[in-house]
């Protein structure tokens, strides 16, 4: 029986719906006060925000349909694999702190550790979306700072080379003039 038919019959005075198949029906926000759904198949039915005061569900079959169960289990498996990948990548990157052969690796390890601590603190205080936004902003800021420092270093390098060439020319000119 369709949900619309059940709601219509309820409005006409029927309260006994025992043994009906209401599978996948949408009863959202409906007033079903005092109805009897004993022995009904209500798998996948939506009763959110419905008034169910005094409603009987004795012996009713409830739960998710099997295909939804499989979809949700598959989604859980994908989330487990993705989170395992990111956890192992984060563990490797934080482990670079202990690489004494390379200062760059140690800086990268400490940076990742600080980033993870900030993400966890913001996520714990607010929510996962705010934590992801904080990480994204921190990464954008770090990349912008790295680019600015690299450009400043390049400009400083060019100025140093130009200054060295000028000093070399002046020195060569002085030596040539003295000879």
Protein backbone atom coordinates (compact mmCIF):
# COMPACT_ATOMS: atom_id res chain seq x y z
CA UNK A 1 0.00 0.00 0.00
CA UNK A 2 1.31 3.46 -0.86
CA UNK A 3 1.97 6.02 1.86
CA UNK A 4 -0.44 8.51 0.29
CA UNK A 5 -3.21 5.88 0.39
CA UNK A 6 -2.49 5.13 4.07
CA UNK A 7 -2.60 8.84 4.96
CA UNK A 8 -5.83 9.30 3.00
CA UNK A 9 -7.49 6.29 4.67
CA UNK A 10 -6.26 7.52 8.06
CA UNK A 11 -7.97 10.87 7.42
CA UNK A 12 -11.16 8.95 6.54
CA UNK A 13 -11.10 7.22 9.93
CA UNK A 14 -9.25 3.95 9.38
CA UNK A 15 -6.74 3.18 12.16
CA UNK A 16 -6.05 -0.52 11.60
CA UNK A 17 -3.32 -1.17 9.04
CA UNK A 18 -2.11 -4.52 10.44
CA UNK A 19 -0.13 -6.72 8.07
CA UNK A 20 0.14 -4.12 5.27
CA UNK A 21 3.31 -3.64 3.28
CA UNK A 22 4.36 -0.02 3.74
CA UNK A 23 7.86 -0.63 2.44
CA UNK A 24 9.67 2.57 1.40
CA UNK A 25 6.67 4.78 2.17
CA UNK A 26 7.14 8.47 2.96
CA UNK A 27 5.13 9.44 6.06
CA UNK A 28 7.22 12.53 6.82
CA UNK A 29 5.27 14.99 8.97
CA UNK A 30 2.04 12.95 8.86
CA UNK A 31 -0.30 12.72 11.85
CA UNK A 32 -0.78 9.00 12.52
CA UNK A 33 -1.89 9.19 16.17
CA UNK A 34 -3.31 5.90 17.43
CA UNK A 35 -2.75 3.89 14.24
CA UNK A 36 -1.96 0.16 14.41
CA UNK A 37 0.92 -0.96 12.17
CA UNK A 38 1.42 -4.33 13.91
CA UNK A 39 2.99 -6.92 11.63
CA UNK A 40 3.59 -4.39 8.85
CA UNK A 41 6.64 -4.35 6.62
CA UNK A 42 7.99 -0.81 7.20
CA UNK A 43 11.52 -1.37 5.87
CA UNK A 44 12.84 1.84 4.33
CA UNK A 45 9.78 3.84 5.40
CA UNK A 46 10.34 7.45 6.45
CA UNK A 47 8.48 8.42 9.63
CA UNK A 48 10.58 11.50 10.42
CA UNK A 49 8.66 14.37 12.05
CA UNK A 50 5.49 12.28 12.01
CA UNK A 51 3.20 12.30 15.05
CA UNK A 52 3.32 8.68 16.23
CA UNK A 53 1.65 9.10 19.61
CA UNK A 54 0.03 5.80 20.62
CA UNK A 55 1.01 4.01 17.39
CA UNK A 56 1.58 0.24 17.63
CA UNK A 57 4.45 -1.37 15.75
CA UNK A 58 4.32 -4.82 17.42
CA UNK A 59 5.93 -7.43 15.17
CA UNK A 60 6.68 -4.93 12.41
CA UNK A 61 9.61 -5.64 10.11
CA UNK A 62 11.88 -2.60 10.09
CA UNK A 63 15.34 -1.71 8.88
CA UNK A 64 17.16 -0.90 5.69
CA UNK A 65 16.63 -2.74 2.43
CA UNK A 66 19.50 -5.11 1.59
CA UNK A 67 20.79 -3.00 -1.30
CA UNK A 68 21.10 0.05 1.00
CA UNK A 69 22.92 -2.09 3.53
CA UNK A 70 25.41 -3.18 0.86
CA UNK A 71 25.84 0.41 -0.38
CA UNK A 72 26.51 1.67 3.15
CA UNK A 73 28.96 -1.14 3.89
CA UNK A 74 30.79 -0.41 0.62
CA UNK A 75 30.95 3.28 1.47
CA UNK A 76 32.31 2.44 4.93
CA UNK A 77 35.00 0.27 3.32
CA UNK A 78 36.03 3.11 0.98
CA UNK A 79 36.21 5.53 3.91
CA UNK A 80 38.34 3.08 5.89
CA UNK A 81 40.78 2.67 2.99
CA UNK A 82 41.04 6.43 2.38
CA UNK A 83 41.51 7.25 6.06
CA UNK A 84 44.13 4.49 6.39
CA UNK A 85 46.05 5.94 3.45
CA UNK A 86 46.03 9.45 4.92
CA UNK A 87 46.94 8.16 8.38
CA UNK A 88 49.94 6.24 7.07
CA UNK A 89 51.04 9.23 4.93
CA UNK A 90 50.77 11.54 7.96
CA UNK A 91 52.70 9.06 10.12
CA UNK A 92 55.48 8.87 7.54
CA UNK A 93 55.68 12.66 7.20
CA UNK A 94 55.71 13.24 10.97
CA UNK A 95 58.35 10.52 11.26
CA UNK A 96 60.66 12.73 9.19
CA UNK A 97 61.27 14.68 12.42
CA UNK A 98 63.74 11.96 13.38
CA UNK A 99 65.72 12.13 10.10
CA UNK A 100 68.97 13.66 11.32
CA UNK A 101 70.59 13.55 7.86
CA UNK A 102 68.37 16.28 6.40
CA UNK A 103 67.28 19.52 8.01
CA UNK A 104 64.64 19.99 5.29
CA UNK A 105 63.01 16.67 6.25
CA UNK A 106 62.98 17.65 9.93
CA UNK A 107 61.34 21.00 9.10
CA UNK A 108 58.76 19.21 6.93
CA UNK A 109 58.04 16.73 9.73
CA UNK A 110 57.57 19.46 12.33
CA UNK A 111 55.39 21.45 9.92
CA UNK A 112 53.12 18.46 9.29
CA UNK A 113 52.91 17.74 13.03
CA UNK A 114 51.92 21.35 13.77
CA UNK A 115 49.39 21.25 10.92
CA UNK A 116 47.85 18.03 12.28
CA UNK A 117 47.66 19.43 15.81
CA UNK A 118 45.90 22.55 14.52
CA UNK A 119 43.50 20.43 12.45
CA UNK A 120 42.63 18.23 15.44
CA UNK A 121 42.18 21.24 17.76
CA UNK A 122 39.90 23.10 15.35
CA UNK A 123 37.94 19.94 14.50
CA UNK A 124 37.47 19.11 18.18
CA UNK A 125 36.40 22.68 19.00
CA UNK A 126 34.19 23.34 15.95
CA UNK A 127 33.61 20.60 13.33
CA UNK A 128 35.38 18.72 10.55
CA UNK A 129 34.50 21.32 7.93
CA UNK A 130 36.07 24.11 9.99
CA UNK A 131 39.15 21.91 10.52
CA UNK A 132 39.49 21.26 6.79
CA UNK A 133 39.07 24.97 6.08
CA UNK A 134 41.75 25.83 8.65
CA UNK A 135 44.16 23.33 7.06
CA UNK A 136 43.41 24.66 3.57
CA UNK A 137 44.05 28.24 4.69
CA UNK A 138 47.24 27.22 6.47
CA UNK A 139 48.51 25.41 3.36
CA UNK A 140 47.67 28.39 1.13
CA UNK A 141 49.46 30.73 3.55
CA UNK A 142 52.49 28.42 3.76
CA UNK A 143 52.73 28.10 -0.04
CA UNK A 144 52.40 31.87 -0.48
CA UNK A 145 55.11 32.43 2.13
CA UNK A 146 57.40 29.86 0.50
CA UNK A 147 56.92 31.45 -2.94
CA UNK A 148 57.57 34.92 -1.50
CA UNK A 149 60.75 33.72 0.24
CA UNK A 150 61.90 31.92 -2.90
CA UNK A 151 61.35 35.06 -4.97
CA UNK A 152 63.13 37.17 -2.36
CA UNK A 153 66.01 34.71 -2.39
CA UNK A 154 66.15 34.77 -6.17
CA UNK A 155 66.11 38.57 -6.22
CA UNK A 156 68.79 38.64 -3.52
CA UNK A 157 70.82 36.12 -5.50
CA UNK A 158 70.54 38.21 -8.66
CA UNK A 159 71.55 41.32 -6.72
CA UNK A 160 74.50 39.48 -5.18
CA UNK A 161 75.67 38.21 -8.59
CA UNK A 162 75.24 41.69 -10.09
CA UNK A 163 77.19 43.22 -7.20
CA UNK A 164 79.94 40.59 -7.51
CA UNK A 165 80.23 41.22 -11.26
CA UNK A 166 80.40 44.98 -10.69
CA UNK A 167 83.13 44.53 -8.08
CA UNK A 168 85.00 42.15 -10.41
CA UNK A 169 84.80 44.64 -13.30
CA UNK A 170 85.93 47.45 -11.09
CA UNK A 171 88.79 45.32 -9.78
CA UNK A 172 89.73 44.24 -13.30
CA UNK A 173 89.57 47.85 -14.47
CA UNK A 174 91.77 48.96 -11.58
CA UNK A 175 94.29 46.21 -12.30
CA UNK A 176 94.23 46.99 -16.02
CA UNK A 177 94.66 50.72 -15.29
CA UNK A 178 97.58 50.04 -12.96
CA UNK A 179 99.43 47.98 -15.51
